[in-house]
Amino acid sequence: MYNHIEYSHIFTAPASIRARIAEATPFIGFARLLLICNLSWKARLYIGKSAREEARYEAEDEWELHVENWSYR
């Protein structure tokens, strides 16, 4: 029976491919970081926008109640 450790070199990538992967790894990491930052920025922008809209609608409702209360006096 063959031992898989003896033949593990068959399944490893050639040195040139490993070198290309090693060169690309920092770039890939940086690109992932930019993507995450961009998406989180857009999410915060969307959350902030929806919170501002909610506050505006709430203020409009309060103002309408205020006007109604004063109109009945």
N, C-alpha and C. Protein backbone atom coordinates (compact mmCIF):
# COMPACT_ATOMS: atom_id res chain seq x y z
N MET A 1 0.85 -1.18 0.00
CA MET A 1 0.00 0.00 0.00
C MET A 1 0.89 1.24 0.00
N TYR A 2 0.54 2.21 -0.85
CA TYR A 2 1.35 3.42 -0.93
C TYR A 2 1.01 4.36 0.22
N ASN A 3 2.02 5.01 0.69
CA ASN A 3 1.82 6.00 1.74
C ASN A 3 1.57 7.36 1.09
N HIS A 4 0.52 8.07 1.51
CA HIS A 4 0.18 9.34 0.86
C HIS A 4 1.24 10.39 1.09
N ILE A 5 2.04 10.28 2.13
CA ILE A 5 3.08 11.27 2.41
C ILE A 5 4.17 11.20 1.34
N GLU A 6 4.47 9.99 0.87
CA GLU A 6 5.51 9.84 -0.14
C GLU A 6 5.12 10.53 -1.45
N TYR A 7 3.84 10.56 -1.77
CA TYR A 7 3.39 11.10 -3.05
C TYR A 7 2.69 12.45 -2.90
N SER A 8 2.85 13.09 -1.77
CA SER A 8 2.18 14.37 -1.57
C SER A 8 2.73 15.45 -2.50
N HIS A 9 3.98 15.28 -2.99
CA HIS A 9 4.55 16.29 -3.88
C HIS A 9 3.81 16.35 -5.21
N ILE A 10 3.08 15.32 -5.57
CA ILE A 10 2.33 15.31 -6.82
C ILE A 10 1.21 16.35 -6.77
N PHE A 11 0.65 16.57 -5.60
CA PHE A 11 -0.53 17.42 -5.47
C PHE A 11 -0.19 18.86 -5.10
N THR A 12 1.08 19.18 -4.94
CA THR A 12 1.44 20.56 -4.63
C THR A 12 1.58 21.36 -5.91
N ALA A 13 1.29 22.63 -5.83
CA ALA A 13 1.39 23.49 -7.01
C ALA A 13 2.85 23.75 -7.33
N PRO A 14 3.15 23.96 -8.60
CA PRO A 14 4.54 24.29 -8.96
C PRO A 14 4.98 25.60 -8.30
N ALA A 15 6.29 25.76 -8.20
CA ALA A 15 6.85 26.93 -7.52
C ALA A 15 6.42 28.23 -8.18
N SER A 16 6.30 28.25 -9.51
CA SER A 16 5.91 29.48 -10.19
C SER A 16 4.49 29.90 -9.80
N ILE A 17 3.61 28.93 -9.68
CA ILE A 17 2.23 29.24 -9.29
C ILE A 17 2.19 29.69 -7.83
N ARG A 18 2.96 28.99 -6.98
CA ARG A 18 3.01 29.39 -5.57
C ARG A 18 3.57 30.80 -5.43
N ALA A 19 4.54 31.16 -6.26
CA ALA A 19 5.11 32.51 -6.21
C ALA A 19 4.08 33.54 -6.66
N ARG A 20 3.33 33.23 -7.70
CA ARG A 20 2.29 34.17 -8.15
C ARG A 20 1.22 34.35 -7.09
N ILE A 21 0.84 33.28 -6.43
CA ILE A 21 -0.16 33.38 -5.36
C ILE A 21 0.39 34.23 -4.22
N ALA A 22 1.66 34.01 -3.88
CA ALA A 22 2.27 34.79 -2.80
C ALA A 22 2.34 36.27 -3.15
N GLU A 23 2.60 36.57 -4.43
CA GLU A 23 2.64 37.97 -4.86
C GLU A 23 1.25 38.59 -4.83
N ALA A 24 0.24 37.82 -5.18
CA ALA A 24 -1.12 38.36 -5.29
C ALA A 24 -1.83 38.43 -3.94
N THR A 25 -1.35 37.71 -2.95
CA THR A 25 -2.05 37.65 -1.67
C THR A 25 -2.22 39.02 -1.01
N PRO A 26 -1.18 39.87 -0.93
CA PRO A 26 -1.40 41.20 -0.33
C PRO A 26 -2.40 42.04 -1.12
N PHE A 27 -2.35 41.96 -2.44
CA PHE A 27 -3.29 42.71 -3.27
C PHE A 27 -4.72 42.23 -3.04
N ILE A 28 -4.89 40.91 -2.97
CA ILE A 28 -6.23 40.36 -2.73
C ILE A 28 -6.73 40.79 -1.36
N GLY A 29 -5.86 40.76 -0.36
CA GLY A 29 -6.25 41.20 0.97
C GLY A 29 -6.65 42.66 0.99
N PHE A 30 -5.87 43.49 0.29
CA PHE A 30 -6.18 44.92 0.22
C PHE A 30 -7.50 45.15 -0.51
N ALA A 31 -7.72 44.41 -1.60
CA ALA A 31 -8.98 44.56 -2.35
C ALA A 31 -10.17 44.14 -1.49
N ARG A 32 -10.00 43.07 -0.72
CA ARG A 32 -11.09 42.64 0.17
C ARG A 32 -11.36 43.70 1.23
N LEU A 33 -10.30 44.29 1.77
CA LEU A 33 -10.46 45.33 2.78
C LEU A 33 -11.21 46.54 2.20
N LEU A 34 -10.83 46.95 0.98
CA LEU A 34 -11.53 48.06 0.34
C LEU A 34 -13.00 47.74 0.11
N LEU A 35 -13.28 46.53 -0.32
CA LEU A 35 -14.66 46.12 -0.57
C LEU A 35 -15.47 46.14 0.73
N ILE A 36 -14.89 45.62 1.79
CA ILE A 36 -15.59 45.61 3.08
C ILE A 36 -15.84 47.03 3.57
N CYS A 37 -14.82 47.89 3.44
CA CYS A 37 -14.99 49.29 3.88
C CYS A 37 -16.06 49.99 3.06
N ASN A 38 -16.05 49.74 1.75
CA ASN A 38 -17.02 50.37 0.87
C ASN A 38 -18.44 49.91 1.21
N LEU A 39 -18.60 48.62 1.42
CA LEU A 39 -19.93 48.11 1.75
C LEU A 39 -20.40 48.59 3.11
N SER A 40 -19.48 48.64 4.08
CA SER A 40 -19.89 49.11 5.41
C SER A 40 -20.22 50.60 5.36
N TRP A 41 -19.49 51.37 4.54
CA TRP A 41 -19.78 52.80 4.40
C TRP A 41 -21.16 52.98 3.78
N LYS A 42 -21.46 52.20 2.75
CA LYS A 42 -22.78 52.30 2.11
C LYS A 42 -23.88 51.86 3.08
N ALA A 43 -23.61 50.85 3.88
CA ALA A 43 -24.61 50.41 4.86
C ALA A 43 -24.85 51.49 5.89
N ARG A 44 -23.77 52.12 6.39
CA ARG A 44 -23.94 53.19 7.37
C ARG A 44 -24.68 54.36 6.75
N LEU A 45 -24.38 54.67 5.49
CA LEU A 45 -25.07 55.76 4.80
C LEU A 45 -26.56 55.45 4.68
N TYR A 46 -26.88 54.22 4.30
CA TYR A 46 -28.29 53.82 4.16
C TYR A 46 -28.99 53.84 5.51
N ILE A 47 -28.33 53.31 6.53
CA ILE A 47 -28.94 53.30 7.87
C ILE A 47 -29.16 54.73 8.36
N GLY A 48 -28.16 55.59 8.15
CA GLY A 48 -28.29 56.99 8.56
C GLY A 48 -29.39 57.70 7.81
N LYS A 49 -29.50 57.40 6.51
CA LYS A 49 -30.54 58.03 5.70
C LYS A 49 -31.92 57.59 6.18
N SER A 50 -32.08 56.30 6.44
CA SER A 50 -33.39 55.83 6.89
C SER A 50 -33.71 56.37 8.28
N ALA A 51 -32.69 56.52 9.13
CA ALA A 51 -32.93 57.08 10.46
C ALA A 51 -33.33 58.55 10.36
N ARG A 52 -32.68 59.29 9.45
CA ARG A 52 -33.05 60.70 9.26
C ARG A 52 -34.47 60.82 8.72
N GLU A 53 -34.83 59.97 7.76
CA GLU A 53 -36.19 60.00 7.23
C GLU A 53 -37.20 59.67 8.32
N GLU A 54 -36.89 58.68 9.15
CA GLU A 54 -37.80 58.32 10.24
C GLU A 54 -37.97 59.48 11.20
N ALA A 55 -36.87 60.16 11.53
CA ALA A 55 -36.94 61.31 12.44
C ALA A 55 -37.74 62.45 11.81
N ARG A 56 -37.57 62.63 10.50
CA ARG A 56 -38.32 63.70 9.82
C ARG A 56 -39.81 63.40 9.84
N TYR A 57 -40.18 62.14 9.54
CA TYR A 57 -41.60 61.78 9.58
C TYR A 57 -42.16 61.93 10.99
N GLU A 58 -41.37 61.55 11.99
CA GLU A 58 -41.83 61.69 13.37
C GLU A 58 -42.02 63.16 13.73
N ALA A 59 -41.09 64.01 13.30
CA ALA A 59 -41.22 65.44 13.58
C ALA A 59 -42.44 66.02 12.87
N GLU A 60 -42.70 65.58 11.64
CA GLU A 60 -43.88 66.06 10.93
C GLU A 60 -45.16 65.64 11.65
N ASP A 61 -45.18 64.40 12.14
CA ASP A 61 -46.36 63.93 12.88
C ASP A 61 -46.56 64.75 14.15
N GLU A 62 -45.47 65.01 14.86
CA GLU A 62 -45.58 65.81 16.08
C GLU A 62 -46.06 67.22 15.76
N TRP A 63 -45.57 67.79 14.66
CA TRP A 63 -45.99 69.13 14.28
C TRP A 63 -47.47 69.16 13.93
N GLU A 64 -47.93 68.12 13.21
CA GLU A 64 -49.35 68.05 12.87
C GLU A 64 -50.21 67.93 14.13
N LEU A 65 -49.76 67.13 15.10
CA LEU A 65 -50.50 67.03 16.36
C LEU A 65 -50.50 68.37 17.09
N HIS A 66 -49.37 69.05 17.05
CA HIS A 66 -49.26 70.36 17.69
C HIS A 66 -50.24 71.35 17.04
N VAL A 67 -50.30 71.37 15.72
CA VAL A 67 -51.20 72.27 15.00
C VAL A 67 -52.65 71.92 15.29
N GLU A 68 -52.96 70.61 15.31
CA GLU A 68 -54.33 70.20 15.60
C GLU A 68 -54.74 70.61 17.01
N ASN A 69 -53.84 70.43 17.97
CA ASN A 69 -54.15 70.80 19.35
C ASN A 69 -54.41 72.30 19.47
N TRP A 70 -53.60 73.10 18.79
CA TRP A 70 -53.79 74.55 18.87
C TRP A 70 -55.03 75.00 18.11
N SER A 71 -55.40 74.26 17.06
CA SER A 71 -56.57 74.67 16.29
C SER A 71 -57.86 74.41 17.06
N TYR A 72 -57.84 73.46 18.00
CA TYR A 72 -59.04 73.19 18.79
C TYR A 72 -59.19 74.14 19.97
N ARG A 73 -58.17 74.90 20.30
CA ARG A 73 -58.26 75.79 21.47
C ARG A 73 -58.96 77.07 21.16
